[in-house]
Amino acid sequence: MPDPASTPQLPSYLCCIRPFEPRDALAVKAMASEAATSTVWSFFTAALFRETFWELLIAVEAVLFVVFGVPGDLCVLLVPAFFVFIFTSIWAAHQVRAVAAQSDLSNIPDTYQTSKRTNFWVAELYEPLLGPASAFQLTFVTPQDVEKYQTDLGGLRRVVVGTVGVRKNRDEPEGGWLTRMAVLKPYRGHGIGTQLLEVACRFCGDVGLTHVRLQTTECHDAAKSLFYKHGFQILNYMHKPMFAGVKVGVYMFTRNVKPSRQALNA
């Protein structure tokens, strides 16, 4: 048995979940763009298993062969080009979505921080200037705790590695929408998503909301697992158009929130 005292310790970094500040704006927008384009390959893979995809391929091949008189063997050779075209189109659609998805982030204070029932948080990591080690552990601290560590943080850089927001549910005044749930890929698997989720749900309870809902696609397997693990249930499942009639499955999750004593006494 190895001596525990001789086992090398993983470096420990501080991570603080705190409300958004104006200095976070650029980092949050960059994260949103990355999140919007991170599922290009997953969407393409999902498209391959849709009947519409193959129907479209057959229709294109038929038009080329019958209408334009393209030889059959050349039609077969054009199949890879069709795959490339679909992949490129999905990538372009994601780029457009990344730009369009910035609307609520253009002014986060006005969108998320002017009502007592909405807010936006970031996960801020304090790591070495050259970036994190290949393996590390996190210590989660409150904004107040960070003040106590200030003298020890001089050689570290602050990096926004996660986000989450709560917006009003206009159809149900007692409910909220959980939005912008994201964690940068190199920092996943360390509990950051869990902390963000719990901060947002606890906030909902503190302001008197009874439930919170969110949407995610079938291509976000890790996110779905996280939501299941933390008490979310599927409320609805639908297909939304993605490209050229190809649709992607969209899940709506919901979780009841127990109002806090603070909310009950308000």
Protein backbone atom coordinates (compact mmCIF):
# COMPACT_ATOMS: atom_id res chain seq x y z
CA MET A 1 0.00 0.00 0.00
CA PRO A 2 1.41 3.40 -0.91
CA ASP A 3 2.00 5.80 1.93
CA PRO A 4 -0.76 8.49 1.72
CA ALA A 5 1.74 11.05 2.91
CA SER A 6 3.93 10.34 -0.11
CA THR A 7 1.07 10.52 -2.63
CA PRO A 8 1.41 13.70 -4.67
CA GLN A 9 -1.44 16.12 -4.06
CA LEU A 10 -3.33 17.59 -6.98
CA PRO A 11 -3.10 21.37 -7.21
CA SER A 12 -6.16 23.06 -5.75
CA TYR A 13 -7.67 26.16 -7.35
CA LEU A 14 -10.38 28.44 -6.05
CA CYS A 15 -13.69 28.76 -7.90
CA CYS A 16 -16.24 31.41 -7.02
CA ILE A 17 -19.86 31.46 -8.20
CA ARG A 18 -20.88 35.11 -8.14
CA PRO A 19 -23.30 37.51 -9.84
CA PHE A 20 -22.29 38.94 -13.21
CA GLU A 21 -20.22 42.12 -13.27
CA PRO A 22 -19.64 44.38 -16.32
CA ARG A 23 -16.00 43.24 -16.58
CA ASP A 24 -17.29 39.74 -17.41
CA ALA A 25 -19.13 40.82 -20.59
CA LEU A 26 -16.52 39.79 -23.18
CA ALA A 27 -15.80 36.44 -21.52
CA VAL A 28 -19.51 35.63 -21.27
CA LYS A 29 -20.11 36.42 -24.96
CA ALA A 30 -17.12 34.29 -25.96
CA MET A 31 -18.50 31.40 -23.89
CA ALA A 32 -21.94 31.77 -25.49
CA SER A 33 -20.42 31.63 -28.97
CA GLU A 34 -18.42 28.53 -28.09
CA ALA A 35 -21.47 26.85 -26.57
CA ALA A 36 -23.57 27.64 -29.64
CA THR A 37 -21.05 26.04 -31.99
CA SER A 38 -19.88 23.14 -29.81
CA THR A 39 -22.57 20.75 -31.04
CA VAL A 40 -21.92 20.96 -34.79
CA TRP A 41 -20.64 17.39 -34.98
CA SER A 42 -23.37 16.08 -32.68
CA PHE A 43 -26.06 17.72 -34.81
CA PHE A 44 -24.51 16.30 -37.97
CA THR A 45 -24.41 12.81 -36.46
CA ALA A 46 -28.04 13.17 -35.37
CA ALA A 47 -28.97 14.23 -38.90
CA LEU A 48 -27.53 11.00 -40.32
CA PHE A 49 -30.14 9.03 -38.39
CA ARG A 50 -33.09 11.04 -39.66
CA GLU A 51 -35.17 9.66 -42.52
CA THR A 52 -35.43 13.19 -43.94
CA PHE A 53 -31.67 13.28 -44.48
CA TRP A 54 -31.68 10.16 -46.64
CA GLU A 55 -34.85 11.21 -48.45
CA LEU A 56 -33.13 14.49 -49.34
CA LEU A 57 -30.03 12.64 -50.53
CA ILE A 58 -32.09 10.33 -52.75
CA ALA A 59 -34.06 13.29 -54.13
CA VAL A 60 -30.86 15.17 -55.02
CA GLU A 61 -29.36 12.09 -56.69
CA ALA A 62 -32.60 11.51 -58.65
CA VAL A 63 -32.67 15.11 -59.90
CA LEU A 64 -29.03 14.92 -60.97
CA PHE A 65 -29.59 11.61 -62.79
CA VAL A 66 -33.03 12.18 -64.35
CA VAL A 67 -33.22 15.93 -64.92
CA PHE A 68 -29.60 16.82 -65.59
CA GLY A 69 -28.49 13.50 -67.06
CA VAL A 70 -25.54 13.06 -64.72
CA PRO A 71 -24.13 9.51 -65.14
CA GLY A 72 -24.97 7.07 -62.35
CA ASP A 73 -21.35 6.43 -61.36
CA LEU A 74 -20.74 10.17 -61.08
CA CYS A 75 -23.88 10.52 -58.94
CA VAL A 76 -22.40 7.97 -56.55
CA LEU A 77 -19.15 9.90 -56.41
CA LEU A 78 -21.09 13.04 -55.50
CA VAL A 79 -22.48 11.45 -52.32
CA PRO A 80 -19.44 12.52 -50.20
CA ALA A 81 -19.88 16.05 -51.55
CA PHE A 82 -23.48 15.97 -50.30
CA PHE A 83 -22.26 14.97 -46.82
CA VAL A 84 -19.76 17.82 -46.85
CA PHE A 85 -22.47 20.23 -47.98
CA ILE A 86 -24.78 19.18 -45.14
CA PHE A 87 -21.99 19.43 -42.56
CA THR A 88 -20.97 22.87 -43.84
CA SER A 89 -24.59 24.02 -43.79
CA ILE A 90 -25.02 22.86 -40.19
CA TRP A 91 -21.79 24.64 -39.25
CA ALA A 92 -23.02 27.84 -40.95
CA ALA A 93 -26.38 27.56 -39.19
CA HIS A 94 -24.57 27.29 -35.87
CA GLN A 95 -22.54 30.40 -36.69
CA VAL A 96 -25.73 32.32 -37.44
CA ARG A 97 -27.27 31.04 -34.23
CA ALA A 98 -24.18 32.10 -32.28
CA VAL A 99 -24.65 35.66 -33.47
CA ALA A 100 -28.42 35.67 -32.97
CA ALA A 101 -28.05 34.15 -29.51
CA GLN A 102 -26.18 37.20 -28.26
CA SER A 103 -29.33 39.35 -27.97
CA ASP A 104 -29.88 38.77 -24.23
CA LEU A 105 -26.15 39.18 -23.59
CA SER A 106 -25.79 42.62 -25.15
CA ASN A 107 -26.80 44.20 -21.87
CA ILE A 108 -26.88 41.60 -19.10
CA PRO A 109 -27.53 44.09 -16.27
CA ASP A 110 -30.71 45.32 -17.99
CA THR A 111 -31.83 41.85 -19.08
CA TYR A 112 -31.06 39.89 -15.92
CA GLN A 113 -30.35 42.23 -13.02
CA THR A 114 -33.17 44.78 -12.88
CA SER A 115 -35.78 42.47 -11.34
CA LYS A 116 -35.62 40.69 -8.01
CA ARG A 117 -36.69 37.45 -9.75
CA THR A 118 -33.95 37.37 -12.38
CA ASN A 119 -30.16 37.22 -12.20
CA PHE A 120 -27.04 36.01 -13.97
CA TRP A 121 -24.01 34.28 -12.45
CA VAL A 122 -20.52 33.36 -13.57
CA ALA A 123 -18.11 30.72 -12.29
CA GLU A 124 -14.77 32.47 -11.89
CA LEU A 125 -11.66 30.32 -11.51
CA TYR A 126 -8.39 31.49 -10.02
CA GLU A 127 -5.64 29.58 -11.81
CA PRO A 128 -1.91 29.98 -12.63
CA LEU A 129 -0.99 32.48 -15.33
CA LEU A 130 0.11 29.66 -17.66
CA GLY A 131 -3.20 27.83 -17.29
CA PRO A 132 -4.35 24.92 -15.14
CA ALA A 133 -2.48 21.69 -14.59
CA SER A 134 -3.61 18.63 -16.54
CA ALA A 135 -5.30 17.40 -13.35
CA PHE A 136 -6.51 19.56 -10.49
CA GLN A 137 -9.15 19.88 -7.81
CA LEU A 138 -11.39 22.81 -6.99
CA THR A 139 -12.32 24.52 -3.78
CA PHE A 140 -15.58 26.43 -4.12
CA VAL A 141 -15.70 29.69 -2.22
CA THR A 142 -18.17 32.55 -1.82
CA PRO A 143 -17.44 36.11 -2.99
CA GLN A 144 -16.91 36.98 0.68
CA ASP A 145 -14.32 34.21 1.03
CA VAL A 146 -12.41 35.56 -1.97
CA GLU A 147 -11.77 38.76 -0.04
CA LYS A 148 -10.02 36.72 2.65
CA TYR A 149 -7.75 35.08 0.04
CA GLN A 150 -6.81 38.30 -1.77
CA THR A 151 -3.26 38.34 -0.40
CA ASP A 152 -2.66 34.83 -1.79
CA LEU A 153 -4.09 35.45 -5.28
CA GLY A 154 -1.44 37.79 -6.66
CA GLY A 155 0.16 35.20 -8.96
CA LEU A 156 -3.11 33.85 -10.33
CA ARG A 157 -5.38 34.92 -13.16
CA ARG A 158 -9.16 35.06 -13.03
CA VAL A 159 -10.97 33.11 -15.75
CA VAL A 160 -14.73 32.91 -16.34
CA VAL A 161 -15.34 29.19 -16.95
CA GLY A 162 -19.10 28.86 -16.48
CA THR A 163 -22.37 30.78 -16.68
CA VAL A 164 -26.04 30.44 -15.80
CA GLY A 165 -29.00 32.81 -15.78
CA VAL A 166 -32.58 32.93 -14.53
CA ARG A 167 -35.21 34.82 -16.53
CA LYS A 168 -38.92 35.37 -16.07
CA ASN A 169 -41.40 32.83 -17.38
CA ARG A 170 -43.90 35.18 -19.01
CA ASP A 171 -46.51 32.41 -19.29
CA GLU A 172 -46.22 31.39 -15.64
CA PRO A 173 -45.42 34.22 -13.21
CA GLU A 174 -44.50 31.78 -10.43
CA GLY A 175 -41.94 30.01 -12.59
CA GLY A 176 -38.52 30.91 -13.96
CA TRP A 177 -36.46 29.95 -17.03
CA LEU A 178 -32.95 28.70 -16.50
CA THR A 179 -30.77 29.93 -19.37
CA ARG A 180 -27.14 30.15 -20.49
CA MET A 181 -26.07 27.05 -18.57
CA ALA A 182 -22.54 26.39 -19.81
CA VAL A 183 -19.10 25.30 -18.64
CA LEU A 184 -15.95 25.55 -20.74
CA LYS A 185 -14.90 22.09 -21.93
CA PRO A 186 -11.44 21.94 -20.24
CA TYR A 187 -13.08 22.60 -16.87
CA ARG A 188 -15.94 20.11 -16.99
CA GLY A 189 -16.10 17.23 -14.57
CA HIS A 190 -15.11 19.27 -11.50
CA GLY A 191 -18.57 20.10 -10.17
CA ILE A 192 -18.83 23.59 -11.66
CA GLY A 193 -22.07 22.80 -13.48
CA THR A 194 -23.57 21.38 -10.29
CA GLN A 195 -22.65 24.49 -8.32
CA LEU A 196 -24.09 26.81 -10.97
CA LEU A 197 -27.31 24.79 -11.11
CA GLU A 198 -27.77 24.79 -7.35
CA VAL A 199 -27.04 28.51 -7.03
CA ALA A 200 -29.68 29.26 -9.68
CA CYS A 201 -32.29 26.93 -8.13
CA ARG A 202 -31.62 28.25 -4.62
CA PHE A 203 -32.09 31.78 -5.94
CA CYS A 204 -35.46 30.77 -7.39
CA GLY A 205 -36.53 29.51 -3.97
CA ASP A 206 -35.28 32.65 -2.25
CA VAL A 207 -37.38 34.92 -4.49
CA GLY A 208 -40.53 32.82 -4.12
CA LEU A 209 -40.64 30.95 -7.44
CA THR A 210 -42.25 27.51 -7.33
CA HIS A 211 -40.50 25.89 -10.29
CA VAL A 212 -37.83 26.43 -12.91
CA ARG A 213 -37.71 25.18 -16.49
CA LEU A 214 -35.08 24.87 -19.19
CA GLN A 215 -34.60 23.53 -22.69
CA THR A 216 -31.79 21.47 -24.16
CA THR A 217 -31.37 19.33 -27.26
CA GLU A 218 -30.82 15.61 -27.70
CA CYS A 219 -27.21 16.43 -28.60
CA HIS A 220 -26.38 17.68 -25.08
CA ASP A 221 -26.00 14.32 -23.34
CA ALA A 222 -23.83 15.60 -20.47
CA ALA A 223 -26.27 18.41 -19.73
CA LYS A 224 -29.23 16.02 -19.72
CA SER A 225 -27.44 13.73 -17.27
CA LEU A 226 -26.71 16.68 -14.99
CA PHE A 227 -30.34 17.81 -15.01
CA TYR A 228 -31.65 14.30 -14.28
CA LYS A 229 -29.17 13.95 -11.42
CA HIS A 230 -30.39 17.15 -9.79
CA GLY A 231 -34.09 16.53 -9.77
CA PHE A 232 -35.21 17.81 -13.17
CA GLN A 233 -37.87 15.85 -15.04
CA ILE A 234 -38.89 15.90 -18.68
CA LEU A 235 -42.00 18.01 -19.16
CA ASN A 236 -42.11 17.91 -22.94
CA TYR A 237 -40.24 16.61 -25.96
CA MET A 238 -40.56 18.04 -29.47
CA HIS A 239 -38.78 18.14 -32.81
CA LYS A 240 -37.60 21.47 -34.18
CA PRO A 241 -36.34 22.10 -37.73
CA MET A 242 -32.58 22.21 -37.97
CA PHE A 243 -31.78 22.32 -41.71
CA ALA A 244 -33.54 21.36 -44.95
CA GLY A 245 -36.35 19.62 -43.10
CA VAL A 246 -34.00 17.70 -40.80
CA LYS A 247 -35.24 18.07 -37.23
CA VAL A 248 -33.55 17.77 -33.85
CA GLY A 249 -35.14 16.63 -30.61
CA VAL A 250 -35.60 19.32 -27.95
CA TYR A 251 -36.31 18.48 -24.31
CA MET A 252 -38.07 20.76 -21.88
CA PHE A 253 -37.10 20.01 -18.29
CA THR A 254 -38.79 21.22 -15.12
CA ARG A 255 -37.95 21.11 -11.43
CA ASN A 256 -40.09 22.17 -8.49
CA VAL A 257 -38.41 24.62 -6.16
CA LYS A 258 -39.14 24.78 -2.47
CA PRO A 259 -39.54 28.41 -1.36
CA SER A 260 -36.96 29.31 1.24
CA ARG A 261 -37.83 30.61 4.69
CA GLN A 262 -36.65 33.98 3.46
CA ALA A 263 -39.27 33.91 0.68
CA LEU A 264 -42.05 32.68 3.00
CA ASN A 265 -41.35 35.49 5.48
CA ALA A 266 -41.20 38.19 2.78
